[in-house]
Structure formats: C-alpha cells, structure tokens
PDB file of all heavy atoms in Angstrom:
ATOM      1  N   ASN A   1      93.567  92.593 114.488  1.00  0.00           N
ATOM      2  CA  ASN A   1      92.998  91.881 113.484  1.00  0.00           C
ATOM      3  C   ASN A   1      93.985  91.432 112.382  1.00  0.00           C
ATOM      4  O   ASN A   1      94.882  92.150 112.242  1.00  0.00           O
ATOM      5  CB  ASN A   1      91.760  92.667 112.864  1.00  0.00           C
ATOM      6  CG  ASN A   1      90.645  92.794 113.834  1.00  0.00           C
ATOM      7  OD1 ASN A   1      90.350  91.889 114.590  1.00  0.00           O
ATOM      8  ND2 ASN A   1      89.989  93.947 113.894  1.00  0.00           N
ATOM      9  N   GLU A   2      93.685  90.341 111.629  1.00  0.00           N
ATOM     10  CA  GLU A   2      94.705  89.876 110.738  1.00  0.00           C
ATOM     11  C   GLU A   2      94.928  90.960 109.663  1.00  0.00           C
ATOM     12  O   GLU A   2      96.129  91.089 109.266  1.00  0.00           O
ATOM     13  CB  GLU A   2      94.153  88.619 110.131  1.00  0.00           C
ATOM     14  CG  GLU A   2      94.998  88.059 109.023  1.00  0.00           C
ATOM     15  CD  GLU A   2      96.503  87.640 109.661  1.00  0.00           C
ATOM     16  OE1 GLU A   2      96.396  87.199 110.814  1.00  0.00           O
ATOM     17  OE2 GLU A   2      97.436  87.710 108.911  1.00  0.00           O
ATOM     18  N   ASN A   3      94.043  91.715 109.255  1.00  0.00           N
ATOM     19  CA  ASN A   3      94.271  92.679 108.219  1.00  0.00           C
ATOM     20  C   ASN A   3      94.933  94.028 108.786  1.00  0.00           C
ATOM     21  O   ASN A   3      95.143  94.868 108.069  1.00  0.00           O
ATOM     22  CB  ASN A   3      93.012  93.097 107.485  1.00  0.00           C
ATOM     23  CG  ASN A   3      91.908  93.623 108.400  1.00  0.00           C
ATOM     24  OD1 ASN A   3      92.137  93.824 109.689  1.00  0.00           O
ATOM     25  ND2 ASN A   3      90.694  93.820 107.854  1.00  0.00           N
ATOM     26  N   GLN A   4      95.280  93.900 110.078  1.00  0.00           N
ATOM     27  CA  GLN A   4      95.884  95.035 110.758  1.00  0.00           C
ATOM     28  C   GLN A   4      97.414  94.820 110.807  1.00  0.00           C
ATOM     29  O   GLN A   4      98.081  95.774 111.389  1.00  0.00           O
ATOM     30  CB  GLN A   4      95.375  95.339 112.169  1.00  0.00           C
ATOM     31  CG  GLN A   4      93.955  95.903 112.111  1.00  0.00           C
ATOM     32  CD  GLN A   4      93.400  96.086 113.419  1.00  0.00           C
ATOM     33  OE1 GLN A   4      93.361  95.220 114.297  1.00  0.00           O
ATOM     34  NE2 GLN A   4      92.859  97.339 113.682  1.00  0.00           N
ATOM     35  N   ILE A   5      97.875  93.691 110.349  1.00  0.00           N
ATOM     36  CA  ILE A   5      99.331  93.448 110.258  1.00  0.00           C
ATOM     37  C   ILE A   5      99.882  94.003 109.081  1.00  0.00           C
ATOM     38  O   ILE A   5      99.482  93.506 108.012  1.00  0.00           O
ATOM     39  CB  ILE A   5      99.653  91.961 110.477  1.00  0.00           C
ATOM     40  CG1 ILE A   5      99.164  91.514 111.829  1.00  0.00           C
ATOM     41  CG2 ILE A   5     101.257  91.810 110.481  1.00  0.00           C
ATOM     42  CD1 ILE A   5      99.473  90.072 112.184  1.00  0.00           C
ATOM     43  N   VAL A   6     100.628  95.104 109.024  1.00  0.00           N
ATOM     44  CA  VAL A   6     100.955  95.856 107.839  1.00  0.00           C
ATOM     45  C   VAL A   6     102.405  95.501 107.393  1.00  0.00           C
ATOM     46  O   VAL A   6     103.376  95.940 107.991  1.00  0.00           O
ATOM     47  CB  VAL A   6     100.853  97.357 108.013  1.00  0.00           C
ATOM     48  CG1 VAL A   6     101.056  98.136 106.706  1.00  0.00           C
ATOM     49  CG2 VAL A   6      99.459  97.620 108.667  1.00  0.00           C
ATOM     50  N   ASN A   7     102.479  94.611 106.401  1.00  0.00           N
ATOM     51  CA  ASN A   7     103.882  94.071 105.981  1.00  0.00           C
ATOM     52  C   ASN A   7     104.458  95.222 105.120  1.00  0.00           C
ATOM     53  O   ASN A   7     103.857  95.798 104.219  1.00  0.00           O
ATOM     54  CB  ASN A   7     103.642  92.799 105.241  1.00  0.00           C
ATOM     55  CG  ASN A   7     103.136  91.700 106.166  1.00  0.00           C
ATOM     56  OD1 ASN A   7     103.635  91.532 107.251  1.00  0.00           O
ATOM     57  ND2 ASN A   7     102.160  90.981 105.680  1.00  0.00           N
ATOM     58  N   GLY A   8     105.756  95.288 105.341  1.00  0.00           N
ATOM     59  CA  GLY A   8     106.557  96.157 104.479  1.00  0.00           C
ATOM     60  C   GLY A   8     106.386  97.666 104.562  1.00  0.00           C
ATOM     61  O   GLY A   8     106.946  98.417 103.753  1.00  0.00           O
ATOM     62  N   MET A   9     105.529  98.181 105.533  1.00  0.00           N
ATOM     63  CA  MET A   9     105.294  99.518 105.657  1.00  0.00           C
ATOM     64  C   MET A   9     106.398 100.160 106.589  1.00  0.00           C
ATOM     65  O   MET A   9     106.676  99.526 107.571  1.00  0.00           O
ATOM     66  CB  MET A   9     103.864  99.875 106.260  1.00  0.00           C
ATOM     67  CG  MET A   9     102.745  99.458 105.273  1.00  0.00           C
ATOM     68  SD  MET A   9     101.170 100.024 105.790  1.00  0.00           S
ATOM     69  CE  MET A   9     101.243 101.743 105.676  1.00  0.00           C
ATOM     70  N   SER A  10     106.780 101.309 106.356  1.00  0.00           N
ATOM     71  CA  SER A  10     107.847 101.963 107.126  1.00  0.00           C
ATOM     72  C   SER A  10     107.248 102.768 108.283  1.00  0.00           C
ATOM     73  O   SER A  10     105.982 102.913 108.304  1.00  0.00           O
ATOM     74  CB  SER A  10     108.570 103.041 106.243  1.00  0.00           C
ATOM     75  OG  SER A  10     107.628 104.117 105.896  1.00  0.00           O
ATOM     76  N   ASP A  11     108.035 103.138 109.195  1.00  0.00           N
ATOM     77  CA  ASP A  11     107.524 103.955 110.329  1.00  0.00           C
ATOM     78  C   ASP A  11     106.855 105.169 109.862  1.00  0.00           C
ATOM     79  O   ASP A  11     105.844 105.622 110.486  1.00  0.00           O
ATOM     80  CB  ASP A  11     108.660 104.152 111.252  1.00  0.00           C
ATOM     81  CG  ASP A  11     109.167 102.923 112.013  1.00  0.00           C
ATOM     82  OD1 ASP A  11     108.436 101.964 112.034  1.00  0.00           O
ATOM     83  OD2 ASP A  11     110.332 103.041 112.445  1.00  0.00           O
ATOM     84  N   PHE A  12     107.453 105.798 108.797  1.00  0.00           N
ATOM     85  CA  PHE A  12     106.797 106.990 108.311  1.00  0.00           C
ATOM     86  C   PHE A  12     105.366 106.808 107.694  1.00  0.00           C
ATOM     87  O   PHE A  12     104.548 107.670 107.909  1.00  0.00           O
ATOM     88  CB  PHE A  12     107.676 107.615 107.178  1.00  0.00           C
ATOM     89  CG  PHE A  12     107.289 108.935 106.704  1.00  0.00           C
ATOM     90  CD1 PHE A  12     107.706 110.095 107.376  1.00  0.00           C
ATOM     91  CD2 PHE A  12     106.442 109.121 105.632  1.00  0.00           C
ATOM     92  CE1 PHE A  12     107.235 111.341 106.977  1.00  0.00           C
ATOM     93  CE2 PHE A  12     106.083 110.359 105.234  1.00  0.00           C
ATOM     94  CZ  PHE A  12     106.442 111.576 105.914  1.00  0.00           C
ATOM     95  N   ASP A  13     105.259 105.658 107.078  1.00  0.00           N
ATOM     96  CA  ASP A  13     103.903 105.360 106.552  1.00  0.00           C
ATOM     97  C   ASP A  13     102.845 105.217 107.670  1.00  0.00           C
ATOM     98  O   ASP A  13     101.683 105.564 107.490  1.00  0.00           O
ATOM     99  CB  ASP A  13     103.939 104.041 105.792  1.00  0.00           C
ATOM    100  CG  ASP A  13     104.749 104.134 104.538  1.00  0.00           C
ATOM    101  OD1 ASP A  13     104.837 105.107 103.919  1.00  0.00           O
ATOM    102  OD2 ASP A  13     105.393 103.049 104.234  1.00  0.00           O
ATOM    103  N   LEU A  14     103.207 104.719 108.802  1.00  0.00           N
ATOM    104  CA  LEU A  14     102.371 104.501 109.957  1.00  0.00           C
ATOM    105  C   LEU A  14     102.330 105.785 110.844  1.00  0.00           C
ATOM    106  O   LEU A  14     101.534 105.693 111.863  1.00  0.00           O
ATOM    107  CB  LEU A  14     102.828 103.314 110.706  1.00  0.00           C
ATOM    108  CG  LEU A  14     102.813 102.016 109.997  1.00  0.00           C
ATOM    109  CD1 LEU A  14     103.459 100.885 110.723  1.00  0.00           C
ATOM    110  CD2 LEU A  14     101.440 101.608 109.605  1.00  0.00           C
ATOM    111  N   LEU A  15     102.952 106.897 110.586  1.00  0.00           N
ATOM    112  CA  LEU A  15     102.869 108.034 111.440  1.00  0.00           C
ATOM    113  C   LEU A  15     101.674 108.766 111.232  1.00  0.00           C
ATOM    114  O   LEU A  15     101.230 109.222 110.131  1.00  0.00           O
ATOM    115  CB  LEU A  15     104.063 108.900 110.975  1.00  0.00           C
ATOM    116  CG  LEU A  15     104.491 110.165 111.861  1.00  0.00           C
ATOM    117  CD1 LEU A  15     104.973 109.519 113.210  1.00  0.00           C
ATOM    118  CD2 LEU A  15     105.537 111.012 111.175  1.00  0.00           C
ATOM    119  N   ASN A  16     100.957 108.896 112.349  1.00  0.00           N
ATOM    120  CA  ASN A  16      99.706 109.763 112.379  1.00  0.00           C
ATOM    121  C   ASN A  16     100.026 111.210 112.785  1.00  0.00           C
ATOM    122  O   ASN A  16     100.756 111.398 113.752  1.00  0.00           O
ATOM    123  CB  ASN A  16      98.738 109.130 113.444  1.00  0.00           C
ATOM    124  CG  ASN A  16      98.310 107.753 112.944  1.00  0.00           C
ATOM    125  OD1 ASN A  16      97.986 107.550 111.825  1.00  0.00           O
ATOM    126  ND2 ASN A  16      98.089 106.853 113.951  1.00  0.00           N
ATOM    127  N   ILE A  17      99.494 112.094 111.975  1.00  0.00           N
ATOM    128  CA  ILE A  17      99.778 113.484 112.176  1.00  0.00           C
ATOM    129  C   ILE A  17      98.418 114.281 112.424  1.00  0.00           C
ATOM    130  O   ILE A  17      97.423 114.059 111.805  1.00  0.00           O
ATOM    131  CB  ILE A  17     100.402 114.105 110.873  1.00  0.00           C
ATOM    132  CG1 ILE A  17     101.738 113.276 110.579  1.00  0.00           C
ATOM    133  CG2 ILE A  17     100.698 115.520 111.072  1.00  0.00           C
ATOM    134  CD1 ILE A  17     102.278 113.733 109.221  1.00  0.00           C
ATOM    135  N   ASN A  18      98.572 115.121 113.449  1.00  0.00           N
ATOM    136  CA  ASN A  18      97.343 115.989 113.845  1.00  0.00           C
ATOM    137  C   ASN A  18      97.768 117.440 113.842  1.00  0.00           C
ATOM    138  O   ASN A  18      98.654 117.795 114.549  1.00  0.00           O
ATOM    139  CB  ASN A  18      96.853 115.554 115.217  1.00  0.00           C
ATOM    140  CG  ASN A  18      95.544 116.275 115.618  1.00  0.00           C
ATOM    141  OD1 ASN A  18      94.803 116.634 114.802  1.00  0.00           O
ATOM    142  ND2 ASN A  18      95.340 116.365 116.967  1.00  0.00           N
ATOM    143  N   VAL A  19      97.044 118.215 113.048  1.00  0.00           N
ATOM    144  CA  VAL A  19      97.324 119.719 113.036  1.00  0.00           C
ATOM    145  C   VAL A  19      96.113 120.332 113.679  1.00  0.00           C
ATOM    146  O   VAL A  19      94.950 120.269 113.278  1.00  0.00           O
ATOM    147  CB  VAL A  19      97.321 120.088 111.476  1.00  0.00           C
ATOM    148  CG1 VAL A  19      97.420 121.688 111.490  1.00  0.00           C
ATOM    149  CG2 VAL A  19      98.504 119.505 110.727  1.00  0.00           C
ATOM    150  N   TYR A  20      96.406 121.164 114.693  1.00  0.00           N
ATOM    151  CA  TYR A  20      95.392 121.793 115.475  1.00  0.00           C
ATOM    152  C   TYR A  20      95.940 122.951 116.203  1.00  0.00           C
ATOM    153  O   TYR A  20      97.141 123.195 116.447  1.00  0.00           O
ATOM    154  CB  TYR A  20      94.879 120.808 116.603  1.00  0.00           C
ATOM    155  CG  TYR A  20      95.976 120.494 117.668  1.00  0.00           C
ATOM    156  CD1 TYR A  20      95.916 121.149 118.830  1.00  0.00           C
ATOM    157  CD2 TYR A  20      96.825 119.487 117.417  1.00  0.00           C
ATOM    158  CE1 TYR A  20      96.883 120.728 119.848  1.00  0.00           C
ATOM    159  CE2 TYR A  20      97.837 119.193 118.293  1.00  0.00           C
ATOM    160  CZ  TYR A  20      97.823 119.807 119.593  1.00  0.00           C
ATOM    161  OH  TYR A  20      98.789 119.509 120.548  1.00  0.00           O
ATOM    162  N   PRO A  21      95.122 124.050 116.573  1.00  0.00           N
ATOM    163  CA  PRO A  21      93.711 124.124 116.126  1.00  0.00           C
ATOM    164  C   PRO A  21      93.631 124.389 114.637  1.00  0.00           C
ATOM    165  O   PRO A  21      94.575 124.954 114.143  1.00  0.00           O
ATOM    166  CB  PRO A  21      93.123 125.248 116.981  1.00  0.00           C
ATOM    167  CG  PRO A  21      94.340 126.154 117.250  1.00  0.00           C
ATOM    168  CD  PRO A  21      95.533 125.181 117.401  1.00  0.00           C
ATOM    169  N   ASN A  22      92.536 124.038 114.090  1.00  0.00           N
ATOM    170  CA  ASN A  22      92.382 124.159 112.596  1.00  0.00           C
ATOM    171  C   ASN A  22      90.877 124.433 112.323  1.00  0.00           C
ATOM    172  O   ASN A  22      90.110 123.487 112.508  1.00  0.00           O
ATOM    173  CB  ASN A  22      92.926 122.994 111.886  1.00  0.00           C
ATOM    174  CG  ASN A  22      93.023 123.193 110.428  1.00  0.00           C
ATOM    175  OD1 ASN A  22      92.869 124.275 109.887  1.00  0.00           O
ATOM    176  ND2 ASN A  22      93.413 122.113 109.596  1.00  0.00           N
ATOM    177  N   PRO A  23      90.499 125.687 112.079  1.00  0.00           N
ATOM    178  CA  PRO A  23      91.325 126.907 111.784  1.00  0.00           C
ATOM    179  C   PRO A  23      92.153 127.410 113.026  1.00  0.00           C
ATOM    180  O   PRO A  23      91.773 127.141 114.124  1.00  0.00           O
ATOM    181  CB  PRO A  23      90.240 127.956 111.407  1.00  0.00           C
ATOM    182  CG  PRO A  23      89.090 127.180 110.927  1.00  0.00           C
ATOM    183  CD  PRO A  23      89.133 125.919 111.861  1.00  0.00           C
ATOM    184  N   ALA A  24      93.227 128.118 112.753  1.00  0.00           N
ATOM    185  CA  ALA A  24      94.161 128.615 113.800  1.00  0.00           C
ATOM    186  C   ALA A  24      94.304 130.153 113.501  1.00  0.00           C
ATOM    187  O   ALA A  24      94.132 130.622 112.456  1.00  0.00           O
ATOM    188  CB  ALA A  24      95.533 127.910 113.746  1.00  0.00           C
ATOM    189  N   ASN A  25      94.613 130.799 114.614  1.00  0.00           N
ATOM    190  CA  ASN A  25      94.721 132.269 114.619  1.00  0.00           C
ATOM    191  C   ASN A  25      96.202 132.761 114.705  1.00  0.00           C
ATOM    192  O   ASN A  25      96.743 133.424 113.892  1.00  0.00           O
ATOM    193  CB  ASN A  25      93.832 132.974 115.623  1.00  0.00           C
ATOM    194  CG  ASN A  25      93.857 134.555 115.565  1.00  0.00           C
ATOM    195  OD1 ASN A  25      94.129 135.067 114.401  1.00  0.00           O
ATOM    196  ND2 ASN A  25      93.713 135.060 116.646  1.00  0.00           N
TER     197      ASN A  25
END
C-alpha cells in the first residue's frame, strides 16, 4: 500500500524483534 513505503527509515528501524518464551524459566 502507498503508506507502506517508508522513506528515510533505516534497516534498524524496520527490524522486528520477538522475545520468547515470555514468561521464561
């Protein structure tokens, strides 16, 4: 979609992070 073209954002900005399991033992 047009609003999904992200101008000027770095790779770090677009990095998705997942912490699991959460809670963890």
